[in-house]
Structures are given as structure tokens and as C-alpha cells.
Amino acid sequence: MNYIQSGFRAAEVSQSELAGIERDLEKELREKGHIFIRKDSGLFEAIKETEQ
């Protein structure tokens, strides 16, 4: 979420929209185990660690 909120136009996104984005990302992380955020300058990858 910090990555998203650091974006150029983040101030234009409401708190309720941010909460919805966070819910969607958490769902994708649970279902797929990872989230890929693509942009021209590179790739950011979040991986959920499994409990051992």
C-alpha cells in the first residue's frame, strides 16, 4: 500500500478507494501467493511467506 500511496496521483484516491484496493490485493495474495506490480521502470513483487 505504501508503494501505491507514493505514486504521483495518490492524493486523488479516496480512503475508501484505497481500502478497496487493499482488500483486492489481499485477496489476490491469498489466492495466488504473490502480487506483481508492473511499470516501465521495473517490477515489484510481493510474496506471502508460509508458516513453517
PDB file of N, CA and C in Angstrom:
ATOM      1  N   MET A   1       0.829  -1.187   0.000  1.00  0.00           N
ATOM      2  CA  MET A   1       0.000   0.000   0.000  1.00  0.00           C
ATOM      3  C   MET A   1       0.874   1.251   0.000  1.00  0.00           C
ATOM      4  N   ASN A   2       2.004   1.192   0.674  1.00  0.00           N
ATOM      5  CA  ASN A   2       2.903   2.349   0.659  1.00  0.00           C
ATOM      6  C   ASN A   2       3.354   2.660  -0.759  1.00  0.00           C
ATOM      7  N   TYR A   3       3.614   1.616  -1.533  1.00  0.00           N
ATOM      8  CA  TYR A   3       4.031   1.803  -2.923  1.00  0.00           C
ATOM      9  C   TYR A   3       2.943   2.529  -3.710  1.00  0.00           C
ATOM     10  N   ILE A   4       1.719   2.105  -3.547  1.00  0.00           N
ATOM     11  CA  ILE A   4       0.590   2.724  -4.259  1.00  0.00           C
ATOM     12  C   ILE A   4       0.403   4.167  -3.804  1.00  0.00           C
ATOM     13  N   GLN A   5       0.482   4.403  -2.513  1.00  0.00           N
ATOM     14  CA  GLN A   5       0.264   5.740  -1.981  1.00  0.00           C
ATOM     15  C   GLN A   5       1.403   6.697  -2.291  1.00  0.00           C
ATOM     16  N   SER A   6       2.546   6.162  -2.705  1.00  0.00           N
ATOM     17  CA  SER A   6       3.664   7.035  -3.040  1.00  0.00           C
ATOM     18  C   SER A   6       3.599   7.520  -4.486  1.00  0.00           C
ATOM     19  N   GLY A   7       2.623   7.044  -5.230  1.00  0.00           N
ATOM     20  CA  GLY A   7       2.516   7.403  -6.636  1.00  0.00           C
ATOM     21  C   GLY A   7       2.155   8.859  -6.857  1.00  0.00           C
ATOM     22  N   PHE A   8       2.402   9.307  -8.062  1.00  0.00           N
ATOM     23  CA  PHE A   8       2.201  10.697  -8.480  1.00  0.00           C
ATOM     24  C   PHE A   8       0.795  11.205  -8.172  1.00  0.00           C
ATOM     25  N   ARG A   9      -0.224  10.405  -8.439  1.00  0.00           N
ATOM     26  CA  ARG A   9      -1.612  10.863  -8.313  1.00  0.00           C
ATOM     27  C   ARG A   9      -2.325  10.253  -7.102  1.00  0.00           C
ATOM     28  N   ALA A  10      -1.589   9.769  -6.127  1.00  0.00           N
ATOM     29  CA  ALA A  10      -2.181   9.097  -4.972  1.00  0.00           C
ATOM     30  C   ALA A  10      -3.125  10.003  -4.197  1.00  0.00           C
ATOM     31  N   ALA A  11      -2.875  11.294  -4.183  1.00  0.00           N
ATOM     32  CA  ALA A  11      -3.730  12.223  -3.437  1.00  0.00           C
ATOM     33  C   ALA A  11      -5.140  12.286  -4.017  1.00  0.00           C
ATOM     34  N   GLU A  12      -5.304  11.838  -5.256  1.00  0.00           N
ATOM     35  CA  GLU A  12      -6.615  11.867  -5.902  1.00  0.00           C
ATOM     36  C   GLU A  12      -7.474  10.653  -5.544  1.00  0.00           C
ATOM     37  N   VAL A  13      -6.917   9.696  -4.825  1.00  0.00           N
ATOM     38  CA  VAL A  13      -7.628   8.471  -4.470  1.00  0.00           C
ATOM     39  C   VAL A  13      -8.172   8.607  -3.052  1.00  0.00           C
ATOM     40  N   SER A  14      -9.465   8.337  -2.880  1.00  0.00           N
ATOM     41  CA  SER A  14     -10.093   8.463  -1.557  1.00  0.00           C
ATOM     42  C   SER A  14      -9.676   7.312  -0.650  1.00  0.00           C
ATOM     43  N   GLN A  15      -9.878   7.506   0.639  1.00  0.00           N
ATOM     44  CA  GLN A  15      -9.559   6.460   1.612  1.00  0.00           C
ATOM     45  C   GLN A  15     -10.399   5.214   1.379  1.00  0.00           C
ATOM     46  N   SER A  16     -11.652   5.375   0.972  1.00  0.00           N
ATOM     47  CA  SER A  16     -12.487   4.197   0.710  1.00  0.00           C
ATOM     48  C   SER A  16     -12.001   3.448  -0.528  1.00  0.00           C
ATOM     49  N   GLU A  17     -11.522   4.171  -1.533  1.00  0.00           N
ATOM     50  CA  GLU A  17     -10.956   3.514  -2.712  1.00  0.00           C
ATOM     51  C   GLU A  17      -9.671   2.774  -2.354  1.00  0.00           C
ATOM     52  N   LEU A  18      -8.835   3.382  -1.525  1.00  0.00           N
ATOM     53  CA  LEU A  18      -7.615   2.720  -1.074  1.00  0.00           C
ATOM     54  C   LEU A  18      -7.936   1.445  -0.291  1.00  0.00           C
ATOM     55  N   ALA A  19      -8.962   1.499   0.538  1.00  0.00           N
ATOM     56  CA  ALA A  19      -9.368   0.323   1.303  1.00  0.00           C
ATOM     57  C   ALA A  19      -9.820  -0.786   0.357  1.00  0.00           C
ATOM     58  N   GLY A  20     -10.536  -0.438  -0.698  1.00  0.00           N
ATOM     59  CA  GLY A  20     -10.970  -1.423  -1.683  1.00  0.00           C
ATOM     60  C   GLY A  20      -9.795  -2.040  -2.420  1.00  0.00           C
ATOM     61  N   ILE A  21      -8.829  -1.222  -2.776  1.00  0.00           N
ATOM     62  CA  ILE A  21      -7.621  -1.723  -3.439  1.00  0.00           C
ATOM     63  C   ILE A  21      -6.883  -2.682  -2.511  1.00  0.00           C
ATOM     64  N   GLU A  22      -6.777  -2.299  -1.250  1.00  0.00           N
ATOM     65  CA  GLU A  22      -6.084  -3.155  -0.285  1.00  0.00           C
ATOM     66  C   GLU A  22      -6.791  -4.500  -0.136  1.00  0.00           C
ATOM     67  N   ARG A  23      -8.125  -4.501  -0.069  1.00  0.00           N
ATOM     68  CA  ARG A  23      -8.886  -5.751   0.014  1.00  0.00           C
ATOM     69  C   ARG A  23      -8.631  -6.625  -1.211  1.00  0.00           C
ATOM     70  N   ASP A  24      -8.644  -6.004  -2.393  1.00  0.00           N
ATOM     71  CA  ASP A  24      -8.413  -6.752  -3.633  1.00  0.00           C
ATOM     72  C   ASP A  24      -7.013  -7.355  -3.663  1.00  0.00           C
ATOM     73  N   LEU A  25      -6.026  -6.586  -3.236  1.00  0.00           N
ATOM     74  CA  LEU A  25      -4.658  -7.086  -3.226  1.00  0.00           C
ATOM     75  C   LEU A  25      -4.479  -8.210  -2.207  1.00  0.00           C
ATOM     76  N   GLU A  26      -5.092  -8.077  -1.047  1.00  0.00           N
ATOM     77  CA  GLU A  26      -5.019  -9.137  -0.033  1.00  0.00           C
ATOM     78  C   GLU A  26      -5.656 -10.421  -0.556  1.00  0.00           C
ATOM     79  N   LYS A  27      -6.772 -10.289  -1.272  1.00  0.00           N
ATOM     80  CA  LYS A  27      -7.449 -11.451  -1.863  1.00  0.00           C
ATOM     81  C   LYS A  27      -6.546 -12.123  -2.890  1.00  0.00           C
ATOM     82  N   GLU A  28      -5.933 -11.330  -3.763  1.00  0.00           N
ATOM     83  CA  GLU A  28      -5.039 -11.893  -4.774  1.00  0.00           C
ATOM     84  C   GLU A  28      -3.840 -12.580  -4.126  1.00  0.00           C
ATOM     85  N   LEU A  29      -3.302 -11.985  -3.073  1.00  0.00           N
ATOM     86  CA  LEU A  29      -2.174 -12.578  -2.364  1.00  0.00           C
ATOM     87  C   LEU A  29      -2.572 -13.918  -1.742  1.00  0.00           C
ATOM     88  N   ARG A  30      -3.767 -13.983  -1.151  1.00  0.00           N
ATOM     89  CA  ARG A  30      -4.248 -15.246  -0.571  1.00  0.00           C
ATOM     90  C   ARG A  30      -4.435 -16.300  -1.657  1.00  0.00           C
ATOM     91  N   GLU A  31      -5.023 -15.914  -2.785  1.00  0.00           N
ATOM     92  CA  GLU A  31      -5.354 -16.869  -3.836  1.00  0.00           C
ATOM     93  C   GLU A  31      -4.141 -17.324  -4.639  1.00  0.00           C
ATOM     94  N   LYS A  32      -3.248 -16.396  -4.967  1.00  0.00           N
ATOM     95  CA  LYS A  32      -2.130 -16.711  -5.854  1.00  0.00           C
ATOM     96  C   LYS A  32      -0.804 -16.832  -5.128  1.00  0.00           C
ATOM     97  N   GLY A  33      -0.720 -16.252  -3.929  1.00  0.00           N
ATOM     98  CA  GLY A  33       0.521 -16.290  -3.177  1.00  0.00           C
ATOM     99  C   GLY A  33       1.515 -15.206  -3.559  1.00  0.00           C
ATOM    100  N   HIS A  34       1.182 -14.386  -4.554  1.00  0.00           N
ATOM    101  CA  HIS A  34       2.064 -13.307  -4.960  1.00  0.00           C
ATOM    102  C   HIS A  34       1.272 -12.208  -5.662  1.00  0.00           C
ATOM    103  N   ILE A  35       1.895 -11.034  -5.727  1.00  0.00           N
ATOM    104  CA  ILE A  35       1.319  -9.890  -6.437  1.00  0.00           C
ATOM    105  C   ILE A  35       2.435  -9.294  -7.291  1.00  0.00           C
ATOM    106  N   PHE A  36       2.162  -9.112  -8.571  1.00  0.00           N
ATOM    107  CA  PHE A  36       3.112  -8.450  -9.457  1.00  0.00           C
ATOM    108  C   PHE A  36       2.588  -7.063  -9.785  1.00  0.00           C
ATOM    109  N   ILE A  37       3.428  -6.065  -9.610  1.00  0.00           N
ATOM    110  CA  ILE A  37       3.086  -4.692  -9.966  1.00  0.00           C
ATOM    111  C   ILE A  37       4.061  -4.281 -11.052  1.00  0.00           C
ATOM    112  N   ARG A  38       3.563  -4.157 -12.256  1.00  0.00           N
ATOM    113  CA  ARG A  38       4.427  -3.834 -13.388  1.00  0.00           C
ATOM    114  C   ARG A  38       4.395  -2.340 -13.672  1.00  0.00           C
ATOM    115  N   LYS A  39       5.540  -1.822 -14.044  1.00  0.00           N
ATOM    116  CA  LYS A  39       5.629  -0.452 -14.518  1.00  0.00           C
ATOM    117  C   LYS A  39       6.877  -0.348 -15.381  1.00  0.00           C
ATOM    118  N   ASP A  40       7.022   0.727 -16.104  1.00  0.00           N
ATOM    119  CA  ASP A  40       8.118   0.867 -17.053  1.00  0.00           C
ATOM    120  C   ASP A  40       9.491   0.765 -16.419  1.00  0.00           C
ATOM    121  N   SER A  41       9.628   1.232 -15.201  1.00  0.00           N
ATOM    122  CA  SER A  41      10.958   1.263 -14.593  1.00  0.00           C
ATOM    123  C   SER A  41      11.329  -0.042 -13.900  1.00  0.00           C
ATOM    124  N   GLY A  42      10.442  -1.016 -13.884  1.00  0.00           N
ATOM    125  CA  GLY A  42      10.816  -2.276 -13.260  1.00  0.00           C
ATOM    126  C   GLY A  42       9.621  -3.070 -12.777  1.00  0.00           C
ATOM    127  N   LEU A  43       9.883  -3.945 -11.835  1.00  0.00           N
ATOM    128  CA  LEU A  43       8.873  -4.857 -11.327  1.00  0.00           C
ATOM    129  C   LEU A  43       9.001  -4.936  -9.813  1.00  0.00           C
ATOM    130  N   PHE A  44       7.890  -4.861  -9.141  1.00  0.00           N
ATOM    131  CA  PHE A  44       7.828  -5.017  -7.693  1.00  0.00           C
ATOM    132  C   PHE A  44       7.072  -6.300  -7.434  1.00  0.00           C
ATOM    133  N   GLU A  45       7.588  -7.168  -6.590  1.00  0.00           N
ATOM    134  CA  GLU A  45       6.949  -8.446  -6.331  1.00  0.00           C
ATOM    135  C   GLU A  45       6.758  -8.611  -4.827  1.00  0.00           C
ATOM    136  N   ALA A  46       5.537  -8.958  -4.434  1.00  0.00           N
ATOM    137  CA  ALA A  46       5.246  -9.255  -3.036  1.00  0.00           C
ATOM    138  C   ALA A  46       4.932 -10.742  -2.928  1.00  0.00           C
ATOM    139  N   ILE A  47       5.576 -11.432  -2.015  1.00  0.00           N
ATOM    140  CA  ILE A  47       5.358 -12.871  -1.841  1.00  0.00           C
ATOM    141  C   ILE A  47       4.964 -13.120  -0.400  1.00  0.00           C
ATOM    142  N   LYS A  48       3.874 -13.835  -0.227  1.00  0.00           N
ATOM    143  CA  LYS A  48       3.413 -14.176   1.101  1.00  0.00           C
ATOM    144  C   LYS A  48       4.268 -15.312   1.640  1.00  0.00           C
ATOM    145  N   GLU A  49       4.845 -15.115   2.808  1.00  0.00           N
ATOM    146  CA  GLU A  49       5.645 -16.169   3.419  1.00  0.00           C
ATOM    147  C   GLU A  49       4.723 -17.191   4.053  1.00  0.00           C
ATOM    148  N   THR A  50       5.063 -18.458   3.915  1.00  0.00           N
ATOM    149  CA  THR A  50       4.265 -19.517   4.519  1.00  0.00           C
ATOM    150  C   THR A  50       4.781 -19.802   5.910  1.00  0.00           C
ATOM    151  N   GLU A  51       3.860 -20.182   6.769  1.00  0.00           N
ATOM    152  CA  GLU A  51       4.253 -20.537   8.139  1.00  0.00           C
ATOM    153  C   GLU A  51       4.901 -21.895   8.125  1.00  0.00           C
ATOM    154  N   GLN A  52       5.939 -22.049   8.921  1.00  0.00           N
ATOM    155  CA  GLN A  52       6.654 -23.332   8.964  1.00  0.00           C
ATOM    156  C   GLN A  52       6.373 -24.046  10.243  1.00  0.00           C
TER     157      GLN A  52
END
